[in-house]
Amino acid sequence: QVRLVESGGGLVQAGGSLRLSCAASGSILTIYTMAWHRQAPGKQRELVALIRSGDSTNYADSVRGRFTISRDVAKKMVYLQMNSLKPEDTAVYYCNVRARVNYYGDYDYWGQGTQVTVSP
């Protein structure tokens, strides 16, 4: 019922910037959290940044100070501004939303992922 579509990934040089966007569509009653995760080759998926309904945020230590997560409640979108990119940031980035969609409860939804590649 709920779909998440990421965009904005691509290839950039080290030190450059990218802005990822995630658009949620479908029937949504309440969004509790929106987050970005990433998975590098040969590595486990990790949480990069999370934003809550009250707009408080959490960041992985490796990206703190370089990445900024934000959201637009009216548009049901979440963004990840990535600055000072490093080759170590190369990964597939996934959008995640926890939301109430019906009377029965809350569910987690995931996007298909978008590739971010940072060249030396």
PDB file of N, CA and C in Angstrom:
ATOM      1  N   GLN A   1       0.819  -1.201   0.000  1.00  0.00           N
ATOM      2  CA  GLN A   1       0.000   0.000   0.000  1.00  0.00           C
ATOM      3  C   GLN A   1       0.857   1.256   0.000  1.00  0.00           C
ATOM      4  N   VAL A   2       1.908   1.269   0.805  1.00  0.00           N
ATOM      5  CA  VAL A   2       2.813   2.403   0.883  1.00  0.00           C
ATOM      6  C   VAL A   2       4.046   2.118   0.044  1.00  0.00           C
ATOM      7  N   ARG A   3       4.427   3.075  -0.773  1.00  0.00           N
ATOM      8  CA  ARG A   3       5.617   2.963  -1.590  1.00  0.00           C
ATOM      9  C   ARG A   3       6.579   4.098  -1.266  1.00  0.00           C
ATOM     10  N   LEU A   4       7.857   3.777  -1.239  1.00  0.00           N
ATOM     11  CA  LEU A   4       8.909   4.762  -1.045  1.00  0.00           C
ATOM     12  C   LEU A   4       9.818   4.739  -2.267  1.00  0.00           C
ATOM     13  N   VAL A   5      10.066   5.899  -2.829  1.00  0.00           N
ATOM     14  CA  VAL A   5      10.895   6.006  -4.015  1.00  0.00           C
ATOM     15  C   VAL A   5      12.024   6.992  -3.752  1.00  0.00           C
ATOM     16  N   GLU A   6      13.264   6.497  -3.827  1.00  0.00           N
ATOM     17  CA  GLU A   6      14.432   7.344  -3.623  1.00  0.00           C
ATOM     18  C   GLU A   6      14.927   7.912  -4.943  1.00  0.00           C
ATOM     19  N   SER A   7      15.585   9.053  -4.855  1.00  0.00           N
ATOM     20  CA  SER A   7      16.221   9.656  -6.012  1.00  0.00           C
ATOM     21  C   SER A   7      17.381  10.521  -5.541  1.00  0.00           C
ATOM     22  N   GLY A   8      18.241  10.891  -6.468  1.00  0.00           N
ATOM     23  CA  GLY A   8      19.327  11.798  -6.163  1.00  0.00           C
ATOM     24  C   GLY A   8      20.693  11.162  -6.054  1.00  0.00           C
ATOM     25  N   GLY A   9      20.765   9.842  -6.111  1.00  0.00           N
ATOM     26  CA  GLY A   9      22.053   9.182  -6.063  1.00  0.00           C
ATOM     27  C   GLY A   9      22.835   9.400  -7.345  1.00  0.00           C
ATOM     28  N   GLY A  10      24.102   9.032  -7.298  1.00  0.00           N
ATOM     29  CA  GLY A  10      24.934   9.193  -8.473  1.00  0.00           C
ATOM     30  C   GLY A  10      26.398   9.069  -8.144  1.00  0.00           C
ATOM     31  N   LEU A  11      27.223   9.534  -9.064  1.00  0.00           N
ATOM     32  CA  LEU A  11      28.676   9.482  -8.945  1.00  0.00           C
ATOM     33  C   LEU A  11      29.217  10.881  -8.722  1.00  0.00           C
ATOM     34  N   VAL A  12      29.994  11.048  -7.667  1.00  0.00           N
ATOM     35  CA  VAL A  12      30.613  12.333  -7.359  1.00  0.00           C
ATOM     36  C   VAL A  12      32.051  12.113  -6.927  1.00  0.00           C
ATOM     37  N   GLN A  13      32.841  13.169  -7.015  1.00  0.00           N
ATOM     38  CA  GLN A  13      34.210  13.125  -6.530  1.00  0.00           C
ATOM     39  C   GLN A  13      34.255  13.369  -5.031  1.00  0.00           C
ATOM     40  N   ALA A  14      35.296  12.858  -4.392  1.00  0.00           N
ATOM     41  CA  ALA A  14      35.483  13.106  -2.971  1.00  0.00           C
ATOM     42  C   ALA A  14      35.462  14.599  -2.690  1.00  0.00           C
ATOM     43  N   GLY A  15      34.774  14.963  -1.616  1.00  0.00           N
ATOM     44  CA  GLY A  15      34.620  16.359  -1.262  1.00  0.00           C
ATOM     45  C   GLY A  15      33.371  16.994  -1.823  1.00  0.00           C
ATOM     46  N   GLY A  16      32.713  16.314  -2.726  1.00  0.00           N
ATOM     47  CA  GLY A  16      31.505  16.834  -3.333  1.00  0.00           C
ATOM     48  C   GLY A  16      30.278  16.590  -2.481  1.00  0.00           C
ATOM     49  N   SER A  17      29.122  16.945  -3.042  1.00  0.00           N
ATOM     50  CA  SER A  17      27.861  16.850  -2.318  1.00  0.00           C
ATOM     51  C   SER A  17      26.788  16.193  -3.166  1.00  0.00           C
ATOM     52  N   LEU A  18      25.851  15.555  -2.485  1.00  0.00           N
ATOM     53  CA  LEU A  18      24.659  15.003  -3.103  1.00  0.00           C
ATOM     54  C   LEU A  18      23.490  15.222  -2.158  1.00  0.00           C
ATOM     55  N   ARG A  19      22.309  15.325  -2.725  1.00  0.00           N
ATOM     56  CA  ARG A  19      21.093  15.436  -1.938  1.00  0.00           C
ATOM     57  C   ARG A  19      20.148  14.312  -2.349  1.00  0.00           C
ATOM     58  N   LEU A  20      19.873  13.408  -1.428  1.00  0.00           N
ATOM     59  CA  LEU A  20      18.956  12.316  -1.672  1.00  0.00           C
ATOM     60  C   LEU A  20      17.550  12.709  -1.256  1.00  0.00           C
ATOM     61  N   SER A  21      16.577  12.251  -2.020  1.00  0.00           N
ATOM     62  CA  SER A  21      15.181  12.500  -1.715  1.00  0.00           C
ATOM     63  C   SER A  21      14.436  11.179  -1.667  1.00  0.00           C
ATOM     64  N   CYS A  22      13.429  11.125  -0.823  1.00  0.00           N
ATOM     65  CA  CYS A  22      12.572   9.954  -0.722  1.00  0.00           C
ATOM     66  C   CYS A  22      11.136  10.421  -0.633  1.00  0.00           C
ATOM     67  N   ALA A  23      10.319   9.967  -1.553  1.00  0.00           N
ATOM     68  CA  ALA A  23       8.914  10.337  -1.594  1.00  0.00           C
ATOM     69  C   ALA A  23       8.051   9.155  -1.182  1.00  0.00           C
ATOM     70  N   ALA A  24       7.191   9.381  -0.209  1.00  0.00           N
ATOM     71  CA  ALA A  24       6.255   8.363   0.244  1.00  0.00           C
ATOM     72  C   ALA A  24       4.905   8.581  -0.417  1.00  0.00           C
ATOM     73  N   SER A  25       4.298   7.506  -0.866  1.00  0.00           N
ATOM     74  CA  SER A  25       2.984   7.593  -1.478  1.00  0.00           C
ATOM     75  C   SER A  25       2.107   6.469  -0.961  1.00  0.00           C
ATOM     76  N   GLY A  26       0.809   6.637  -1.139  1.00  0.00           N
ATOM     77  CA  GLY A  26      -0.141   5.669  -0.638  1.00  0.00           C
ATOM     78  C   GLY A  26      -0.900   6.213   0.551  1.00  0.00           C
ATOM     79  N   SER A  27      -1.713   5.370   1.137  1.00  0.00           N
ATOM     80  CA  SER A  27      -2.541   5.776   2.265  1.00  0.00           C
ATOM     81  C   SER A  27      -1.733   5.705   3.556  1.00  0.00           C
ATOM     82  N   ILE A  28      -1.466   6.867   4.146  1.00  0.00           N
ATOM     83  CA  ILE A  28      -0.683   6.970   5.377  1.00  0.00           C
ATOM     84  C   ILE A  28      -1.454   7.819   6.378  1.00  0.00           C
ATOM     85  N   LEU A  29      -1.640   7.296   7.573  1.00  0.00           N
ATOM     86  CA  LEU A  29      -2.314   8.051   8.617  1.00  0.00           C
ATOM     87  C   LEU A  29      -1.336   8.907   9.404  1.00  0.00           C
ATOM     88  N   THR A  30      -0.242   8.309   9.855  1.00  0.00           N
ATOM     89  CA  THR A  30       0.740   9.005  10.665  1.00  0.00           C
ATOM     90  C   THR A  30       2.130   8.461  10.380  1.00  0.00           C
ATOM     91  N   ILE A  31       3.088   9.351  10.188  1.00  0.00           N
ATOM     92  CA  ILE A  31       4.488   8.963  10.056  1.00  0.00           C
ATOM     93  C   ILE A  31       5.183   9.202  11.385  1.00  0.00           C
ATOM     94  N   TYR A  32       5.807   8.155  11.923  1.00  0.00           N
ATOM     95  CA  TYR A  32       6.495   8.271  13.204  1.00  0.00           C
ATOM     96  C   TYR A  32       7.972   8.602  13.031  1.00  0.00           C
ATOM     97  N   THR A  33       8.651   7.837  12.196  1.00  0.00           N
ATOM     98  CA  THR A  33      10.052   8.105  11.925  1.00  0.00           C
ATOM     99  C   THR A  33      10.335   7.943  10.444  1.00  0.00           C
ATOM    100  N   MET A  34      11.335   8.670   9.976  1.00  0.00           N
ATOM    101  CA  MET A  34      11.854   8.517   8.631  1.00  0.00           C
ATOM    102  C   MET A  34      13.370   8.426   8.760  1.00  0.00           C
ATOM    103  N   ALA A  35      13.978   7.572   7.974  1.00  0.00           N
ATOM    104  CA  ALA A  35      15.397   7.320   8.159  1.00  0.00           C
ATOM    105  C   ALA A  35      16.071   6.955   6.849  1.00  0.00           C
ATOM    106  N   TRP A  36      17.389   7.077   6.861  1.00  0.00           N
ATOM    107  CA  TRP A  36      18.236   6.611   5.778  1.00  0.00           C
ATOM    108  C   TRP A  36      19.194   5.566   6.312  1.00  0.00           C
ATOM    109  N   HIS A  37      19.267   4.452   5.623  1.00  0.00           N
ATOM    110  CA  HIS A  37      20.228   3.395   5.896  1.00  0.00           C
ATOM    111  C   HIS A  37      21.107   3.232   4.671  1.00  0.00           C
ATOM    112  N   ARG A  38      22.247   2.591   4.845  1.00  0.00           N
ATOM    113  CA  ARG A  38      23.097   2.311   3.703  1.00  0.00           C
ATOM    114  C   ARG A  38      23.773   0.964   3.866  1.00  0.00           C
ATOM    115  N   GLN A  39      24.143   0.386   2.733  1.00  0.00           N
ATOM    116  CA  GLN A  39      24.839  -0.888   2.730  1.00  0.00           C
ATOM    117  C   GLN A  39      25.955  -0.833   1.700  1.00  0.00           C
ATOM    118  N   ALA A  40      27.178  -0.914   2.179  1.00  0.00           N
ATOM    119  CA  ALA A  40      28.348  -0.925   1.318  1.00  0.00           C
ATOM    120  C   ALA A  40      28.661  -2.361   0.905  1.00  0.00           C
ATOM    121  N   PRO A  41      29.395  -2.539  -0.185  1.00  0.00           N
ATOM    122  CA  PRO A  41      29.746  -3.893  -0.621  1.00  0.00           C
ATOM    123  C   PRO A  41      30.450  -4.681   0.474  1.00  0.00           C
ATOM    124  N   GLY A  42      29.966  -5.879   0.745  1.00  0.00           N
ATOM    125  CA  GLY A  42      30.566  -6.731   1.747  1.00  0.00           C
ATOM    126  C   GLY A  42      30.293  -6.334   3.186  1.00  0.00           C
ATOM    127  N   LYS A  43      29.442  -5.335   3.394  1.00  0.00           N
ATOM    128  CA  LYS A  43      29.145  -4.849   4.736  1.00  0.00           C
ATOM    129  C   LYS A  43      27.666  -5.031   5.062  1.00  0.00           C
ATOM    130  N   GLN A  44      27.360  -5.005   6.354  1.00  0.00           N
ATOM    131  CA  GLN A  44      25.977  -5.059   6.792  1.00  0.00           C
ATOM    132  C   GLN A  44      25.328  -3.690   6.661  1.00  0.00           C
ATOM    133  N   ARG A  45      24.019  -3.698   6.537  1.00  0.00           N
ATOM    134  CA  ARG A  45      23.291  -2.449   6.453  1.00  0.00           C
ATOM    135  C   ARG A  45      23.387  -1.697   7.782  1.00  0.00           C
ATOM    136  N   GLU A  46      23.569  -0.384   7.709  1.00  0.00           N
ATOM    137  CA  GLU A  46      23.701   0.424   8.901  1.00  0.00           C
ATOM    138  C   GLU A  46      22.795   1.648   8.826  1.00  0.00           C
ATOM    139  N   LEU A  47      22.381   2.110   9.984  1.00  0.00           N
ATOM    140  CA  LEU A  47      21.602   3.339  10.073  1.00  0.00           C
ATOM    141  C   LEU A  47      22.519   4.527   9.864  1.00  0.00           C
ATOM    142  N   VAL A  48      22.123   5.421   8.978  1.00  0.00           N
ATOM    143  CA  VAL A  48      22.888   6.629   8.697  1.00  0.00           C
ATOM    144  C   VAL A  48      22.314   7.817   9.447  1.00  0.00           C
ATOM    145  N   ALA A  49      21.011   8.026   9.330  1.00  0.00           N
ATOM    146  CA  ALA A  49      20.358   9.159   9.963  1.00  0.00           C
ATOM    147  C   ALA A  49      18.886   8.857  10.140  1.00  0.00           C
ATOM    148  N   LEU A  50      18.310   9.426  11.185  1.00  0.00           N
ATOM    149  CA  LEU A  50      16.898   9.214  11.496  1.00  0.00           C
ATOM    150  C   LEU A  50      16.292  10.520  11.990  1.00  0.00           C
ATOM    151  N   ILE A  51      15.046  10.754  11.617  1.00  0.00           N
ATOM    152  CA  ILE A  51      14.325  11.928  12.093  1.00  0.00           C
ATOM    153  C   ILE A  51      12.962  11.485  12.600  1.00  0.00           C
ATOM    154  N   ARG A  52      12.562  12.011  13.749  1.00  0.00           N
ATOM    155  CA  ARG A  52      11.326  11.639  14.394  1.00  0.00           C
ATOM    156  C   ARG A  52      10.221  12.652  14.139  1.00  0.00           C
ATOM    157  N   SER A  53       9.032  12.317  14.584  1.00  0.00           N
ATOM    158  CA  SER A  53       7.886  13.187  14.352  1.00  0.00           C
ATOM    159  C   SER A  53       8.063  14.557  14.983  1.00  0.00           C
ATOM    160  N   GLY A  54       8.817  14.625  16.078  1.00  0.00           N
ATOM    161  CA  GLY A  54       9.105  15.896  16.712  1.00  0.00           C
ATOM    162  C   GLY A  54      10.333  16.597  16.150  1.00  0.00           C
ATOM    163  N   ASP A  55      10.913  16.036  15.104  1.00  0.00           N
ATOM    164  CA  ASP A  55      12.061  16.576  14.368  1.00  0.00           C
ATOM    165  C   ASP A  55      13.397  16.397  15.076  1.00  0.00           C
ATOM    166  N   SER A  56      13.439  15.634  16.149  1.00  0.00           N
ATOM    167  CA  SER A  56      14.728  15.276  16.715  1.00  0.00           C
ATOM    168  C   SER A  56      15.419  14.282  15.783  1.00  0.00           C
ATOM    169  N   THR A  57      16.743  14.258  15.810  1.00  0.00           N
ATOM    170  CA  THR A  57      17.505  13.467  14.850  1.00  0.00           C
ATOM    171  C   THR A  57      18.582  12.639  15.519  1.00  0.00           C
ATOM    172  N   ASN A  58      19.024  11.608  14.818  1.00  0.00           N
ATOM    173  CA  ASN A  58      20.164  10.793  15.199  1.00  0.00           C
ATOM    174  C   ASN A  58      21.024  10.554  13.970  1.00  0.00           C
ATOM    175  N   TYR A  59      22.330  10.518  14.176  1.00  0.00           N
ATOM    176  CA  TYR A  59      23.273  10.286  13.096  1.00  0.00           C
ATOM    177  C   TYR A  59      24.305   9.252  13.487  1.00  0.00           C
ATOM    178  N   ALA A  60      24.745   8.490  12.503  1.00  0.00           N
ATOM    179  CA  ALA A  60      25.898   7.639  12.715  1.00  0.00           C
ATOM    180  C   ALA A  60      27.126   8.511  12.943  1.00  0.00           C
ATOM    181  N   ASP A  61      28.023   8.048  13.800  1.00  0.00           N
ATOM    182  CA  ASP A  61      29.221   8.832  14.096  1.00  0.00           C
ATOM    183  C   ASP A  61      30.023   9.148  12.837  1.00  0.00           C
ATOM    184  N   SER A  62      30.014   8.241  11.886  1.00  0.00           N
ATOM    185  CA  SER A  62      30.818   8.401  10.691  1.00  0.00           C
ATOM    186  C   SER A  62      30.336   9.522   9.774  1.00  0.00           C
ATOM    187  N   VAL A  63      29.086   9.961   9.938  1.00  0.00           N
ATOM    188  CA  VAL A  63      28.548  10.996   9.063  1.00  0.00           C
ATOM    189  C   VAL A  63      28.176  12.268   9.803  1.00  0.00           C
ATOM    190  N   ARG A  64      28.234  12.243  11.108  1.00  0.00           N
ATOM    191  CA  ARG A  64      27.856  13.410  11.900  1.00  0.00           C
ATOM    192  C   ARG A  64      28.695  14.620  11.512  1.00  0.00           C
ATOM    193  N   GLY A  65      28.029  15.738  11.288  1.00  0.00           N
ATOM    194  CA  GLY A  65      28.715  16.947  10.874  1.00  0.00           C
ATOM    195  C   GLY A  65      28.832  17.108   9.382  1.00  0.00           C
ATOM    196  N   ARG A  66      28.609  16.033   8.635  1.00  0.00           N
ATOM    197  CA  ARG A  66      28.685  16.088   7.177  1.00  0.00           C
ATOM    198  C   ARG A  66      27.324  15.893   6.514  1.00  0.00           C
ATOM    199  N   PHE A  67      26.481  15.068   7.120  1.00  0.00           N
ATOM    200  CA  PHE A  67      25.161  14.759   6.566  1.00  0.00           C
ATOM    201  C   PHE A  67      24.083  15.439   7.401  1.00  0.00           C
ATOM    202  N   THR A  68      22.996  15.807   6.747  1.00  0.00           N
ATOM    203  CA  THR A  68      21.853  16.396   7.427  1.00  0.00           C
ATOM    204  C   THR A  68      20.570  15.766   6.909  1.00  0.00           C
ATOM    205  N   ILE A  69      19.762  15.239   7.818  1.00  0.00           N
ATOM    206  CA  ILE A  69      18.473  14.685   7.451  1.00  0.00           C
ATOM    207  C   ILE A  69      17.391  15.722   7.735  1.00  0.00           C
ATOM    208  N   SER A  70      16.412  15.802   6.863  1.00  0.00           N
ATOM    209  CA  SER A  70      15.304  16.716   7.045  1.00  0.00           C
ATOM    210  C   SER A  70      14.061  16.108   6.414  1.00  0.00           C
ATOM    211  N   ARG A  71      12.926  16.695   6.689  1.00  0.00           N
ATOM    212  CA  ARG A  71      11.686  16.164   6.142  1.00  0.00           C
ATOM    213  C   ARG A  71      10.706  17.282   5.824  1.00  0.00           C
ATOM    214  N   ASP A  72       9.770  16.976   4.964  1.00  0.00           N
ATOM    215  CA  ASP A  72       8.671  17.868   4.630  1.00  0.00           C
ATOM    216  C   ASP A  72       7.403  17.081   4.917  1.00  0.00           C
ATOM    217  N   VAL A  73       6.750  17.393   6.017  1.00  0.00           N
ATOM    218  CA  VAL A  73       5.600  16.624   6.462  1.00  0.00           C
ATOM    219  C   VAL A  73       4.457  16.687   5.452  1.00  0.00           C
ATOM    220  N   ALA A  74       4.181  17.881   4.945  1.00  0.00           N
ATOM    221  CA  ALA A  74       3.073  18.053   4.020  1.00  0.00           C
ATOM    222  C   ALA A  74       3.265  17.242   2.746  1.00  0.00           C
ATOM    223  N   LYS A  75       4.492  17.174   2.269  1.00  0.00           N
ATOM    224  CA  LYS A  75       4.786  16.444   1.044  1.00  0.00           C
ATOM    225  C   LYS A  75       5.122  14.978   1.287  1.00  0.00           C
ATOM    226  N   LYS A  76       5.226  14.579   2.554  1.00  0.00           N
ATOM    227  CA  LYS A  76       5.609  13.214   2.921  1.00  0.00           C
ATOM    228  C   LYS A  76       6.927  12.827   2.258  1.00  0.00           C
ATOM    229  N   MET A  77       7.903  13.691   2.436  1.00  0.00           N
ATOM    230  CA  MET A  77       9.225  13.448   1.876  1.00  0.00           C
ATOM    231  C   MET A  77      10.303  13.588   2.940  1.00  0.00           C
ATOM    232  N   VAL A  78      11.378  12.865   2.754  1.00  0.00           N
ATOM    233  CA  VAL A  78      12.541  12.967   3.613  1.00  0.00           C
ATOM    234  C   VAL A  78      13.766  13.132   2.727  1.00  0.00           C
ATOM    235  N   TYR A  79      14.732  13.915   3.215  1.00  0.00           N
ATOM    236  CA  TYR A  79      15.911  14.244   2.439  1.00  0.00           C
ATOM    237  C   TYR A  79      17.171  13.917   3.230  1.00  0.00           C
ATOM    238  N   LEU A  80      18.235  13.694   2.511  1.00  0.00           N
ATOM    239  CA  LEU A  80      19.544  13.536   3.129  1.00  0.00           C
ATOM    240  C   LEU A  80      20.541  14.372   2.346  1.00  0.00           C
ATOM    241  N   GLN A  81      20.963  15.475   2.945  1.00  0.00           N
ATOM    242  CA  GLN A  81      21.992  16.309   2.351  1.00  0.00           C
ATOM    243  C   GLN A  81      23.346  15.765   2.762  1.00  0.00           C
ATOM    244  N   MET A  82      24.157  15.389   1.799  1.00  0.00           N
ATOM    245  CA  MET A  82      25.452  14.778   2.058  1.00  0.00           C
ATOM    246  C   MET A  82      26.543  15.702   1.536  1.00  0.00           C
ATOM    247  N   ASN A  83      27.348  16.217   2.437  1.00  0.00           N
ATOM    248  CA  ASN A  83      28.450  17.103   2.093  1.00  0.00           C
ATOM    249  C   ASN A  83      29.776  16.450   2.444  1.00  0.00           C
ATOM    250  N   SER A  84      30.840  16.981   1.872  1.00  0.00           N
ATOM    251  CA  SER A  84      32.187  16.478   2.141  1.00  0.00           C
ATOM    252  C   SER A  84      32.258  14.966   1.998  1.00  0.00           C
ATOM    253  N   LEU A  85      31.736  14.478   0.905  1.00  0.00           N
ATOM    254  CA  LEU A  85      31.649  13.037   0.698  1.00  0.00           C
ATOM    255  C   LEU A  85      33.025  12.395   0.594  1.00  0.00           C
ATOM    256  N   LYS A  86      33.111  11.186   1.115  1.00  0.00           N
ATOM    257  CA  LYS A  86      34.334  10.402   1.105  1.00  0.00           C
ATOM    258  C   LYS A  86      34.103   9.109   0.344  1.00  0.00           C
ATOM    259  N   PRO A  87      35.157   8.506  -0.197  1.00  0.00           N
ATOM    260  CA  PRO A  87      34.987   7.203  -0.847  1.00  0.00           C
ATOM    261  C   PRO A  87      34.336   6.166   0.064  1.00  0.00           C
ATOM    262  N   GLU A  88      34.558   6.270   1.358  1.00  0.00           N
ATOM    263  CA  GLU A  88      33.958   5.351   2.313  1.00  0.00           C
ATOM    264  C   GLU A  88      32.441   5.478   2.402  1.00  0.00           C
ATOM    265  N   ASP A  89      31.885   6.548   1.866  1.00  0.00           N
ATOM    266  CA  ASP A  89      30.437   6.728   1.843  1.00  0.00           C
ATOM    267  C   ASP A  89      29.776   5.958   0.709  1.00  0.00           C
ATOM    268  N   THR A  90      30.556   5.377  -0.171  1.00  0.00           N
ATOM    269  CA  THR A  90      30.006   4.621  -1.287  1.00  0.00           C
ATOM    270  C   THR A  90      29.156   3.467  -0.774  1.00  0.00           C
ATOM    271  N   ALA A  91      27.901   3.426  -1.202  1.00  0.00           N
ATOM    272  CA  ALA A  91      26.968   2.408  -0.735  1.00  0.00           C
ATOM    273  C   ALA A  91      25.645   2.577  -1.464  1.00  0.00           C
ATOM    274  N   VAL A  92      24.773   1.606  -1.277  1.00  0.00           N
ATOM    275  CA  VAL A  92      23.385   1.763  -1.666  1.00  0.00           C
ATOM    276  C   VAL A  92      22.649   2.353  -0.474  1.00  0.00           C
ATOM    277  N   TYR A  93      21.945   3.441  -0.696  1.00  0.00           N
ATOM    278  CA  TYR A  93      21.228   4.131   0.362  1.00  0.00           C
ATOM    279  C   TYR A  93      19.741   3.815   0.267  1.00  0.00           C
ATOM    280  N   TYR A  94      19.156   3.455   1.404  1.00  0.00           N
ATOM    281  CA  TYR A  94      17.766   3.047   1.466  1.00  0.00           C
ATOM    282  C   TYR A  94      16.958   3.981   2.354  1.00  0.00           C
ATOM    283  N   CYS A  95      15.796   4.353   1.886  1.00  0.00           N
ATOM    284  CA  CYS A  95      14.845   5.127   2.669  1.00  0.00           C
ATOM    285  C   CYS A  95      13.979   4.183   3.493  1.00  0.00           C
ATOM    286  N   ASN A  96      13.700   4.567   4.734  1.00  0.00           N
ATOM    287  CA  ASN A  96      12.879   3.766   5.631  1.00  0.00           C
ATOM    288  C   ASN A  96      11.866   4.655   6.339  1.00  0.00           C
ATOM    289  N   VAL A  97      10.628   4.194   6.411  1.00  0.00           N
ATOM    290  CA  VAL A  97       9.562   4.934   7.087  1.00  0.00           C
ATOM    291  C   VAL A  97       8.794   3.989   7.993  1.00  0.00           C
ATOM    292  N   ARG A  98       8.574   4.423   9.219  1.00  0.00           N
ATOM    293  CA  ARG A  98       7.679   3.705  10.120  1.00  0.00           C
ATOM    294  C   ARG A  98       6.422   4.541  10.264  1.00  0.00           C
ATOM    295  N   ALA A  99       5.277   3.932   9.938  1.00  0.00           N
ATOM    296  CA  ALA A  99       4.048   4.701   9.864  1.00  0.00           C
ATOM    297  C   ALA A  99       2.844   3.860  10.248  1.00  0.00           C
ATOM    298  N   ARG A 100       1.798   4.556  10.680  1.00  0.00           N
ATOM    299  CA  ARG A 100       0.504   3.933  10.864  1.00  0.00           C
ATOM    300  C   ARG A 100      -0.280   4.114   9.577  1.00  0.00           C
ATOM    301  N   VAL A 101      -0.734   3.023   9.021  1.00  0.00           N
ATOM    302  CA  VAL A 101      -1.437   3.078   7.745  1.00  0.00           C
ATOM    303  C   VAL A 101      -2.882   2.621   7.852  1.00  0.00           C
ATOM    304  N   ASN A 102      -3.247   1.982   8.960  1.00  0.00           N
ATOM    305  CA  ASN A 102      -4.622   1.533   9.140  1.00  0.00           C
ATOM    306  C   ASN A 102      -4.929   1.368  10.617  1.00  0.00           C
ATOM    307  N   TYR A 103      -6.114   0.893  10.902  1.00  0.00           N
ATOM    308  CA  TYR A 103      -6.588   0.737  12.273  1.00  0.00           C
ATOM    309  C   TYR A 103      -5.750  -0.254  13.084  1.00  0.00           C
ATOM    310  N   TYR A 104      -5.099  -1.193  12.408  1.00  0.00           N
ATOM    311  CA  TYR A 104      -4.500  -2.328  13.093  1.00  0.00           C
ATOM    312  C   TYR A 104      -3.103  -2.077  13.646  1.00  0.00           C
ATOM    313  N   GLY A 105      -2.405  -1.081  13.150  1.00  0.00           N
ATOM    314  CA  GLY A 105      -1.096  -0.830  13.721  1.00  0.00           C
ATOM    315  C   GLY A 105      -0.115  -0.118  12.814  1.00  0.00           C
ATOM    316  N   ASP A 106       1.154  -0.206  13.224  1.00  0.00           N
ATOM    317  CA  ASP A 106       2.238   0.487  12.549  1.00  0.00           C
ATOM    318  C   ASP A 106       3.118  -0.503  11.791  1.00  0.00           C
ATOM    319  N   TYR A 107       3.712  -0.029  10.709  1.00  0.00           N
ATOM    320  CA  TYR A 107       4.510  -0.888   9.855  1.00  0.00           C
ATOM    321  C   TYR A 107       5.743  -0.149   9.349  1.00  0.00           C
ATOM    322  N   ASP A 108       6.777  -0.922   9.040  1.00  0.00           N
ATOM    323  CA  ASP A 108       7.994  -0.399   8.435  1.00  0.00           C
ATOM    324  C   ASP A 108       7.949  -0.590   6.932  1.00  0.00           C
ATOM    325  N   TYR A 109       8.387   0.440   6.209  1.00  0.00           N
ATOM    326  CA  TYR A 109       8.440   0.384   4.756  1.00  0.00           C
ATOM    327  C   TYR A 109       9.823   0.786   4.277  1.00  0.00           C
ATOM    328  N   TRP A 110      10.234   0.195   3.168  1.00  0.00           N
ATOM    329  CA  TRP A 110      11.569   0.424   2.614  1.00  0.00           C
ATOM    330  C   TRP A 110      11.499   0.781   1.144  1.00  0.00           C
ATOM    331  N   GLY A 111      12.381   1.672   0.741  1.00  0.00           N
ATOM    332  CA  GLY A 111      12.536   1.977  -0.669  1.00  0.00           C
ATOM    333  C   GLY A 111      13.418   0.958  -1.351  1.00  0.00           C
ATOM    334  N   GLN A 112      13.586   1.119  -2.644  1.00  0.00           N
ATOM    335  CA  GLN A 112      14.352   0.158  -3.434  1.00  0.00           C
ATOM    336  C   GLN A 112      15.854   0.397  -3.364  1.00  0.00           C
ATOM    337  N   GLY A 113      16.259   1.546  -2.882  1.00  0.00           N
ATOM    338  CA  GLY A 113      17.660   1.886  -2.774  1.00  0.00           C
ATOM    339  C   GLY A 113      18.151   2.715  -3.941  1.00  0.00           C
ATOM    340  N   THR A 114      19.120   3.572  -3.669  1.00  0.00           N
ATOM    341  CA  THR A 114      19.758   4.366  -4.708  1.00  0.00           C
ATOM    342  C   THR A 114      21.267   4.332  -4.490  1.00  0.00           C
ATOM    343  N   GLN A 115      22.004   4.155  -5.571  1.00  0.00           N
ATOM    344  CA  GLN A 115      23.452   3.994  -5.491  1.00  0.00           C
ATOM    345  C   GLN A 115      24.150   5.337  -5.362  1.00  0.00           C
ATOM    346  N   VAL A 116      25.045   5.427  -4.397  1.00  0.00           N
ATOM    347  CA  VAL A 116      25.923   6.582  -4.240  1.00  0.00           C
ATOM    348  C   VAL A 116      27.356   6.093  -4.367  1.00  0.00           C
ATOM    349  N   THR A 117      28.090   6.658  -5.311  1.00  0.00           N
ATOM    350  CA  THR A 117      29.475   6.285  -5.526  1.00  0.00           C
ATOM    351  C   THR A 117      30.344   7.528  -5.438  1.00  0.00           C
ATOM    352  N   VAL A 118      31.345   7.474  -4.585  1.00  0.00           N
ATOM    353  CA  VAL A 118      32.255   8.594  -4.388  1.00  0.00           C
ATOM    354  C   VAL A 118      33.640   8.173  -4.856  1.00  0.00           C
ATOM    355  N   SER A 119      34.143   8.839  -5.867  1.00  0.00           N
ATOM    356  CA  SER A 119      35.447   8.510  -6.418  1.00  0.00           C
ATOM    357  C   SER A 119      36.544   9.262  -5.670  1.00  0.00           C
ATOM    358  N   PRO A 120      37.748   8.707  -5.622  1.00  0.00           N
ATOM    359  CA  PRO A 120      38.843   9.358  -4.904  1.00  0.00           C
ATOM    360  C   PRO A 120      39.230  10.710  -5.485  1.00  0.00           C
TER     361      PRO A 120
END
